[in-house]
Amino acid sequence: MGDYMIAVILGIVEGVTEYLPISSTGHMILVGDWLGFTGPRASVFEVFIQLGAILSVLVIYKEKFIRMLRQYRCWDMLRPQNRRLDDTGLTLAHVGAGIVPVMIIGYFAHGAIISYFFSVGTVIIGLVIGGVFLFLAERVETASLCAALVSVSY
């Protein structure tokens, strides 16, 4: 199969799965493996195709991002009075608090993450477990789920 056809198929998979409560990366790994599109070239393609999805979020929410960036100068973003302003909800401090720990963990665990979490077998197991949890979440009422979690924790 030609590279253009593989790109079209993976683009469709990314476009359909990105905004659903399923793993777009997992599905791209599975479809890429099914099509024989693996290795460093496939990894670079996956990064760039997902960059398109991320940029679409930036375009859709550009006003919110611009407002958030204009709220402060860089040195002001961690001041207590600027942690949450009524007009925007999230601030740069919130975004930083969410990104920095993940970046640190990713930096130190990069090798393990790549070797264990991006294999076809691990992706299949993760998708099945995630599917079971989604199925159970649809079936269980919120009150009974909270009661079950509280009873387990004590």
N, C-alpha and C. Protein backbone atom coordinates (compact mmCIF):
# COMPACT_ATOMS: atom_id res chain seq x y z
N MET A 1 0.85 -1.18 0.00
CA MET A 1 0.00 0.00 0.00
C MET A 1 0.90 1.24 0.00
N GLY A 2 0.52 2.24 -0.76
CA GLY A 2 1.32 3.43 -0.89
C GLY A 2 1.28 4.32 0.34
N ASP A 3 2.32 5.17 0.45
CA ASP A 3 2.42 6.07 1.60
C ASP A 3 1.25 7.04 1.68
N TYR A 4 0.77 7.51 0.52
CA TYR A 4 -0.35 8.45 0.54
C TYR A 4 -1.62 7.79 1.08
N MET A 5 -1.86 6.55 0.69
CA MET A 5 -3.05 5.85 1.17
C MET A 5 -2.94 5.59 2.67
N ILE A 6 -1.75 5.23 3.14
CA ILE A 6 -1.54 5.04 4.58
C ILE A 6 -1.79 6.35 5.32
N ALA A 7 -1.30 7.45 4.76
CA ALA A 7 -1.50 8.77 5.39
C ALA A 7 -2.98 9.11 5.46
N VAL A 8 -3.73 8.81 4.41
CA VAL A 8 -5.17 9.09 4.40
C VAL A 8 -5.88 8.25 5.45
N ILE A 9 -5.55 6.96 5.52
CA ILE A 9 -6.20 6.07 6.48
C ILE A 9 -5.89 6.51 7.91
N LEU A 10 -4.62 6.79 8.20
CA LEU A 10 -4.25 7.22 9.55
C LEU A 10 -4.84 8.59 9.88
N GLY A 11 -4.96 9.45 8.88
CA GLY A 11 -5.61 10.74 9.09
C GLY A 11 -7.07 10.59 9.45
N ILE A 12 -7.75 9.67 8.81
CA ILE A 12 -9.16 9.41 9.13
C ILE A 12 -9.27 8.83 10.54
N VAL A 13 -8.38 7.88 10.87
CA VAL A 13 -8.41 7.29 12.22
C VAL A 13 -8.18 8.38 13.27
N GLU A 14 -7.21 9.24 13.06
CA GLU A 14 -6.93 10.32 14.01
C GLU A 14 -8.10 11.27 14.12
N GLY A 15 -8.66 11.65 12.98
CA GLY A 15 -9.78 12.59 12.99
C GLY A 15 -11.02 12.05 13.68
N VAL A 16 -11.29 10.76 13.50
CA VAL A 16 -12.47 10.16 14.12
C VAL A 16 -12.26 9.93 15.61
N THR A 17 -11.07 9.49 16.00
CA THR A 17 -10.85 9.08 17.39
C THR A 17 -10.37 10.19 18.32
N GLU A 18 -9.90 11.29 17.79
CA GLU A 18 -9.30 12.32 18.65
C GLU A 18 -10.28 12.90 19.65
N TYR A 19 -11.49 13.15 19.25
CA TYR A 19 -12.44 13.82 20.14
C TYR A 19 -13.48 12.88 20.73
N LEU A 20 -13.23 11.58 20.64
CA LEU A 20 -14.07 10.59 21.29
C LEU A 20 -13.37 10.14 22.58
N PRO A 21 -14.09 9.58 23.51
CA PRO A 21 -13.45 9.15 24.77
C PRO A 21 -12.69 7.82 24.60
N ILE A 22 -11.89 7.76 23.55
CA ILE A 22 -11.05 6.59 23.28
C ILE A 22 -9.66 7.09 22.95
N SER A 23 -8.71 6.21 22.90
CA SER A 23 -7.33 6.60 22.67
C SER A 23 -7.03 6.74 21.18
N SER A 24 -6.86 7.96 20.72
CA SER A 24 -6.51 8.16 19.31
C SER A 24 -5.11 7.62 19.03
N THR A 25 -4.20 7.81 19.96
CA THR A 25 -2.84 7.30 19.77
C THR A 25 -2.85 5.78 19.71
N GLY A 26 -3.60 5.15 20.61
CA GLY A 26 -3.68 3.69 20.60
C GLY A 26 -4.24 3.16 19.30
N HIS A 27 -5.28 3.79 18.80
CA HIS A 27 -5.86 3.34 17.54
C HIS A 27 -4.91 3.57 16.37
N MET A 28 -4.17 4.67 16.38
CA MET A 28 -3.19 4.90 15.32
C MET A 28 -2.07 3.86 15.37
N ILE A 29 -1.64 3.48 16.57
CA ILE A 29 -0.61 2.45 16.70
C ILE A 29 -1.12 1.13 16.14
N LEU A 30 -2.35 0.75 16.48
CA LEU A 30 -2.91 -0.51 15.99
C LEU A 30 -3.09 -0.51 14.48
N VAL A 31 -3.67 0.56 13.94
CA VAL A 31 -3.90 0.63 12.50
C VAL A 31 -2.57 0.71 11.75
N GLY A 32 -1.62 1.48 12.29
CA GLY A 32 -0.30 1.56 11.66
C GLY A 32 0.38 0.20 11.62
N ASP A 33 0.28 -0.56 12.71
CA ASP A 33 0.85 -1.90 12.74
C ASP A 33 0.13 -2.82 11.76
N TRP A 34 -1.19 -2.71 11.69
CA TRP A 34 -1.98 -3.51 10.76
C TRP A 34 -1.58 -3.23 9.31
N LEU A 35 -1.26 -1.95 9.02
CA LEU A 35 -0.87 -1.57 7.66
C LEU A 35 0.63 -1.78 7.40
N GLY A 36 1.37 -2.21 8.42
CA GLY A 36 2.81 -2.41 8.27
C GLY A 36 3.60 -1.11 8.31
N PHE A 37 2.99 -0.06 8.84
CA PHE A 37 3.64 1.26 8.92
C PHE A 37 4.15 1.45 10.34
N THR A 38 5.38 1.00 10.59
CA THR A 38 5.98 1.05 11.91
C THR A 38 7.38 1.64 11.80
N GLY A 39 7.99 1.83 12.96
CA GLY A 39 9.36 2.34 12.99
C GLY A 39 9.43 3.83 13.19
N PRO A 40 10.63 4.38 13.04
CA PRO A 40 10.82 5.82 13.28
C PRO A 40 10.00 6.71 12.35
N ARG A 41 9.86 6.31 11.11
CA ARG A 41 9.09 7.11 10.16
C ARG A 41 7.62 7.20 10.59
N ALA A 42 7.08 6.09 11.05
CA ALA A 42 5.70 6.08 11.54
C ALA A 42 5.56 6.93 12.78
N SER A 43 6.54 6.88 13.67
CA SER A 43 6.49 7.69 14.90
C SER A 43 6.48 9.17 14.58
N VAL A 44 7.31 9.59 13.66
CA VAL A 44 7.35 11.01 13.26
C VAL A 44 6.01 11.41 12.64
N PHE A 45 5.47 10.54 11.81
CA PHE A 45 4.17 10.84 11.19
C PHE A 45 3.09 10.98 12.25
N GLU A 46 3.07 10.09 13.25
CA GLU A 46 2.07 10.15 14.31
C GLU A 46 2.18 11.46 15.09
N VAL A 47 3.41 11.90 15.35
CA VAL A 47 3.59 13.16 16.07
C VAL A 47 3.02 14.32 15.26
N PHE A 48 3.32 14.36 13.98
CA PHE A 48 2.85 15.47 13.16
C PHE A 48 1.34 15.45 12.95
N ILE A 49 0.76 14.26 12.81
CA ILE A 49 -0.69 14.20 12.61
C ILE A 49 -1.40 14.61 13.90
N GLN A 50 -0.84 14.26 15.06
CA GLN A 50 -1.45 14.68 16.32
C GLN A 50 -1.20 16.16 16.58
N LEU A 51 -0.12 16.70 16.07
CA LEU A 51 0.11 18.14 16.17
C LEU A 51 -1.01 18.91 15.48
N GLY A 52 -1.52 18.38 14.38
CA GLY A 52 -2.65 19.00 13.70
C GLY A 52 -3.88 19.05 14.58
N ALA A 53 -4.13 17.97 15.32
CA ALA A 53 -5.28 17.95 16.23
C ALA A 53 -5.09 18.96 17.35
N ILE A 54 -3.88 19.05 17.88
CA ILE A 54 -3.60 20.02 18.94
C ILE A 54 -3.77 21.45 18.42
N LEU A 55 -3.28 21.71 17.23
CA LEU A 55 -3.42 23.06 16.66
C LEU A 55 -4.88 23.41 16.40
N SER A 56 -5.69 22.40 16.07
CA SER A 56 -7.12 22.69 15.87
C SER A 56 -7.76 23.15 17.18
N VAL A 57 -7.33 22.58 18.30
CA VAL A 57 -7.84 23.02 19.61
C VAL A 57 -7.41 24.46 19.86
N LEU A 58 -6.16 24.79 19.52
CA LEU A 58 -5.70 26.17 19.69
C LEU A 58 -6.51 27.14 18.84
N VAL A 59 -6.85 26.74 17.64
CA VAL A 59 -7.64 27.61 16.76
C VAL A 59 -9.05 27.78 17.32
N ILE A 60 -9.65 26.69 17.76
CA ILE A 60 -11.02 26.76 18.27
C ILE A 60 -11.10 27.63 19.52
N TYR A 61 -10.12 27.49 20.41
CA TYR A 61 -10.14 28.22 21.68
C TYR A 61 -9.15 29.38 21.70
N LYS A 62 -8.84 29.95 20.55
CA LYS A 62 -7.80 30.99 20.49
C LYS A 62 -8.12 32.20 21.37
N GLU A 63 -9.38 32.61 21.43
CA GLU A 63 -9.72 33.77 22.26
C GLU A 63 -9.43 33.49 23.73
N LYS A 64 -9.76 32.30 24.19
CA LYS A 64 -9.52 31.93 25.58
C LYS A 64 -8.01 31.89 25.87
N PHE A 65 -7.23 31.32 24.95
CA PHE A 65 -5.79 31.27 25.14
C PHE A 65 -5.18 32.67 25.12
N ILE A 66 -5.62 33.52 24.22
CA ILE A 66 -5.10 34.89 24.15
C ILE A 66 -5.42 35.64 25.44
N ARG A 67 -6.65 35.50 25.92
CA ARG A 67 -7.05 36.16 27.17
C ARG A 67 -6.20 35.64 28.33
N MET A 68 -5.95 34.35 28.35
CA MET A 68 -5.16 33.76 29.42
C MET A 68 -3.71 34.28 29.36
N LEU A 69 -3.17 34.40 28.17
CA LEU A 69 -1.79 34.89 28.03
C LEU A 69 -1.67 36.37 28.36
N ARG A 70 -2.72 37.14 28.09
CA ARG A 70 -2.68 38.58 28.38
C ARG A 70 -2.90 38.90 29.85
N GLN A 71 -3.36 37.94 30.63
CA GLN A 71 -3.67 38.21 32.03
C GLN A 71 -2.45 38.70 32.80
N TYR A 72 -1.32 38.14 32.50
CA TYR A 72 -0.13 38.45 33.29
C TYR A 72 1.08 38.60 32.40
N ARG A 73 2.07 39.19 33.01
CA ARG A 73 3.41 39.08 32.47
C ARG A 73 3.96 37.79 33.08
N CYS A 74 4.99 37.22 32.52
CA CYS A 74 5.49 35.92 32.98
C CYS A 74 5.79 35.90 34.47
N TRP A 75 6.35 36.96 35.01
CA TRP A 75 6.74 36.96 36.42
C TRP A 75 5.55 37.12 37.36
N ASP A 76 4.39 37.50 36.81
CA ASP A 76 3.21 37.68 37.64
C ASP A 76 2.33 36.44 37.76
N MET A 77 2.59 35.41 36.96
CA MET A 77 1.60 34.34 36.86
C MET A 77 1.46 33.50 38.13
N LEU A 78 2.42 33.51 39.03
CA LEU A 78 2.32 32.70 40.22
C LEU A 78 1.92 33.49 41.47
N ARG A 79 1.63 34.76 41.31
CA ARG A 79 1.17 35.53 42.46
C ARG A 79 -0.17 35.01 42.93
N PRO A 80 -0.37 34.92 44.25
CA PRO A 80 -1.64 34.35 44.77
C PRO A 80 -2.88 35.04 44.23
N GLN A 81 -2.86 36.35 44.08
CA GLN A 81 -4.05 37.04 43.61
C GLN A 81 -4.33 36.77 42.13
N ASN A 82 -3.37 36.24 41.40
CA ASN A 82 -3.56 35.96 39.98
C ASN A 82 -3.81 34.48 39.69
N ARG A 83 -3.93 33.66 40.72
CA ARG A 83 -4.08 32.23 40.47
C ARG A 83 -5.42 31.90 39.82
N ARG A 84 -6.43 32.67 40.13
CA ARG A 84 -7.72 32.44 39.48
C ARG A 84 -8.44 33.79 39.35
N LEU A 85 -8.72 34.14 38.14
CA LEU A 85 -9.49 35.35 37.89
C LEU A 85 -10.89 34.92 37.44
N ASP A 86 -11.89 35.67 37.82
CA ASP A 86 -13.28 35.28 37.58
C ASP A 86 -13.64 35.18 36.10
N ASP A 87 -12.95 35.92 35.24
CA ASP A 87 -13.40 35.95 33.85
C ASP A 87 -12.88 34.80 33.00
N THR A 88 -11.90 34.03 33.46
CA THR A 88 -11.35 33.00 32.57
C THR A 88 -11.40 31.59 33.12
N GLY A 89 -11.46 31.41 34.41
CA GLY A 89 -11.38 30.06 34.96
C GLY A 89 -9.94 29.62 35.06
N LEU A 90 -9.43 28.97 34.03
CA LEU A 90 -8.04 28.51 34.05
C LEU A 90 -7.08 29.66 33.85
N THR A 91 -5.93 29.54 34.49
CA THR A 91 -4.87 30.52 34.32
C THR A 91 -3.61 29.79 33.89
N LEU A 92 -2.57 30.54 33.56
CA LEU A 92 -1.30 29.92 33.18
C LEU A 92 -0.71 29.12 34.33
N ALA A 93 -0.98 29.53 35.56
CA ALA A 93 -0.49 28.77 36.71
C ALA A 93 -1.14 27.39 36.74
N HIS A 94 -2.42 27.31 36.42
CA HIS A 94 -3.10 26.01 36.36
C HIS A 94 -2.50 25.14 35.26
N VAL A 95 -2.29 25.72 34.11
CA VAL A 95 -1.73 24.98 32.99
C VAL A 95 -0.33 24.49 33.35
N GLY A 96 0.47 25.37 33.95
CA GLY A 96 1.82 24.97 34.37
C GLY A 96 1.81 23.88 35.41
N ALA A 97 0.87 23.97 36.36
CA ALA A 97 0.77 22.94 37.40
C ALA A 97 0.39 21.59 36.81
N GLY A 98 -0.31 21.59 35.70
CA GLY A 98 -0.67 20.33 35.06
C GLY A 98 0.41 19.80 34.14
N ILE A 99 1.18 20.69 33.53
CA ILE A 99 2.17 20.26 32.54
C ILE A 99 3.51 19.90 33.16
N VAL A 100 3.99 20.69 34.09
CA VAL A 100 5.35 20.51 34.62
C VAL A 100 5.57 19.12 35.25
N PRO A 101 4.68 18.63 36.12
CA PRO A 101 4.94 17.29 36.67
C PRO A 101 4.99 16.20 35.60
N VAL A 102 4.14 16.29 34.61
CA VAL A 102 4.12 15.30 33.54
C VAL A 102 5.41 15.39 32.71
N MET A 103 5.90 16.59 32.48
CA MET A 103 7.15 16.76 31.74
C MET A 103 8.32 16.16 32.50
N ILE A 104 8.35 16.34 33.81
CA ILE A 104 9.44 15.79 34.62
C ILE A 104 9.39 14.26 34.60
N ILE A 105 8.22 13.69 34.81
CA ILE A 105 8.08 12.23 34.78
C ILE A 105 8.43 11.71 33.39
N GLY A 106 7.95 12.36 32.36
CA GLY A 106 8.26 11.93 30.99
C GLY A 106 9.74 11.99 30.67
N TYR A 107 10.41 12.99 31.18
CA TYR A 107 11.85 13.12 30.92
C TYR A 107 12.62 11.94 31.53
N PHE A 108 12.30 11.60 32.76
CA PHE A 108 13.04 10.55 33.44
C PHE A 108 12.57 9.14 33.06
N ALA A 109 11.32 8.99 32.66
CA ALA A 109 10.80 7.66 32.35
C ALA A 109 10.59 7.43 30.86
N HIS A 110 11.19 8.25 30.02
CA HIS A 110 10.98 8.18 28.58
C HIS A 110 11.24 6.79 28.01
N GLY A 111 12.34 6.18 28.36
CA GLY A 111 12.68 4.87 27.82
C GLY A 111 11.65 3.81 28.19
N ALA A 112 11.26 3.80 29.45
CA ALA A 112 10.27 2.81 29.90
C ALA A 112 8.92 3.06 29.25
N ILE A 113 8.53 4.31 29.12
CA ILE A 113 7.24 4.65 28.51
C ILE A 113 7.20 4.17 27.06
N ILE A 114 8.26 4.45 26.32
CA ILE A 114 8.30 4.04 24.91
C ILE A 114 8.31 2.52 24.77
N SER A 115 9.10 1.84 25.58
CA SER A 115 9.22 0.39 25.40
C SER A 115 8.01 -0.38 25.91
N TYR A 116 7.33 0.11 26.95
CA TYR A 116 6.22 -0.65 27.52
C TYR A 116 4.85 -0.19 27.06
N PHE A 117 4.65 1.11 26.92
CA PHE A 117 3.30 1.60 26.67
C PHE A 117 2.94 1.77 25.21
N PHE A 118 3.89 1.70 24.30
CA PHE A 118 3.60 1.92 22.90
C PHE A 118 3.73 0.65 22.07
N SER A 119 3.67 -0.50 22.72
CA SER A 119 3.67 -1.76 21.98
C SER A 119 2.23 -2.13 21.65
N VAL A 120 2.05 -2.91 20.62
CA VAL A 120 0.71 -3.29 20.18
C VAL A 120 -0.02 -4.06 21.28
N GLY A 121 0.66 -4.97 21.94
CA GLY A 121 0.02 -5.75 23.01
C GLY A 121 -0.47 -4.89 24.14
N THR A 122 0.35 -3.96 24.58
CA THR A 122 -0.04 -3.06 25.67
C THR A 122 -1.21 -2.18 25.25
N VAL A 123 -1.20 -1.72 24.02
CA VAL A 123 -2.29 -0.88 23.53
C VAL A 123 -3.60 -1.67 23.52
N ILE A 124 -3.57 -2.90 23.06
CA ILE A 124 -4.78 -3.73 23.03
C ILE A 124 -5.32 -3.93 24.45
N ILE A 125 -4.43 -4.28 25.38
CA ILE A 125 -4.85 -4.47 26.77
C ILE A 125 -5.44 -3.17 27.33
N GLY A 126 -4.79 -2.06 27.08
CA GLY A 126 -5.28 -0.77 27.57
C GLY A 126 -6.63 -0.40 26.99
N LEU A 127 -6.82 -0.65 25.69
CA LEU A 127 -8.11 -0.33 25.08
C LEU A 127 -9.23 -1.22 25.62
N VAL A 128 -8.93 -2.49 25.84
CA VAL A 128 -9.95 -3.39 26.40
C VAL A 128 -10.31 -2.97 27.82
N ILE A 129 -9.32 -2.70 28.65
CA ILE A 129 -9.58 -2.28 30.03
C ILE A 129 -10.33 -0.95 30.05
N GLY A 130 -9.91 -0.02 29.21
CA GLY A 130 -10.62 1.26 29.11
C GLY A 130 -12.05 1.08 28.66
N GLY A 131 -12.28 0.18 27.71
CA GLY A 131 -13.64 -0.11 27.24
C GLY A 131 -14.50 -0.69 28.35
N VAL A 132 -13.92 -1.59 29.15
CA VAL A 132 -14.67 -2.16 30.27
C VAL A 132 -15.05 -1.07 31.26
N PHE A 133 -14.12 -0.18 31.57
CA PHE A 133 -14.42 0.91 32.50
C PHE A 133 -15.49 1.85 31.94
N LEU A 134 -15.43 2.15 30.65
CA LEU A 134 -16.46 2.99 30.05
C LEU A 134 -17.83 2.29 30.11
N PHE A 135 -17.85 0.99 29.84
CA PHE A 135 -19.09 0.23 29.91
C PHE A 135 -19.65 0.24 31.33
N LEU A 136 -18.78 -0.01 32.31
CA LEU A 136 -19.23 -0.01 33.70
C LEU A 136 -19.69 1.38 34.14
N ALA A 137 -19.02 2.42 33.69
CA ALA A 137 -19.40 3.78 34.05
C ALA A 137 -20.79 4.11 33.53
N GLU A 138 -21.14 3.57 32.38
CA GLU A 138 -22.48 3.80 31.84
C GLU A 138 -23.55 3.03 32.62
N ARG A 139 -23.18 1.90 33.19
CA ARG A 139 -24.13 1.03 33.87
C ARG A 139 -24.34 1.39 35.34
N VAL A 140 -23.33 1.92 35.98
CA VAL A 140 -23.37 2.16 37.42
C VAL A 140 -23.87 3.57 37.69
N GLU A 141 -24.76 3.69 38.65
CA GLU A 141 -25.24 5.01 39.05
C GLU A 141 -24.15 5.71 39.86
N THR A 142 -24.10 7.01 39.76
CA THR A 142 -23.07 7.79 40.43
C THR A 142 -23.10 7.59 41.94
N ALA A 143 -24.27 7.61 42.55
CA ALA A 143 -24.37 7.47 44.01
C ALA A 143 -23.85 6.12 44.47
N SER A 144 -24.21 5.05 43.77
CA SER A 144 -23.75 3.73 44.20
C SER A 144 -22.26 3.57 43.97
N LEU A 145 -21.74 4.19 42.92
CA LEU A 145 -20.30 4.14 42.67
C LEU A 145 -19.55 4.86 43.77
N CYS A 146 -20.01 6.03 44.16
CA CYS A 146 -19.36 6.78 45.25
C CYS A 146 -19.43 6.00 46.55
N ALA A 147 -20.57 5.37 46.83
CA ALA A 147 -20.70 4.56 48.06
C ALA A 147 -19.74 3.39 48.03
N ALA A 148 -19.60 2.75 46.88
CA ALA A 148 -18.67 1.62 46.76
C ALA A 148 -17.23 2.07 46.97
N LEU A 149 -16.87 3.21 46.41
CA LEU A 149 -15.51 3.72 46.59
C LEU A 149 -15.23 4.09 48.02
N VAL A 150 -16.21 4.69 48.69
CA VAL A 150 -16.03 5.06 50.10
C VAL A 150 -15.90 3.82 50.96
N SER A 151 -16.71 2.79 50.70
CA SER A 151 -16.64 1.59 51.52
C SER A 151 -15.33 0.83 51.31
N VAL A 152 -14.78 0.89 50.10
CA VAL A 152 -13.51 0.24 49.83
C VAL A 152 -12.35 0.96 50.51
N SER A 153 -12.44 2.29 50.59
CA SER A 153 -11.33 3.06 51.14
C SER A 153 -11.23 2.95 52.65
N TYR A 154 -12.28 2.45 53.33
CA TYR A 154 -12.24 2.33 54.79
C TYR A 154 -12.04 0.95 55.19
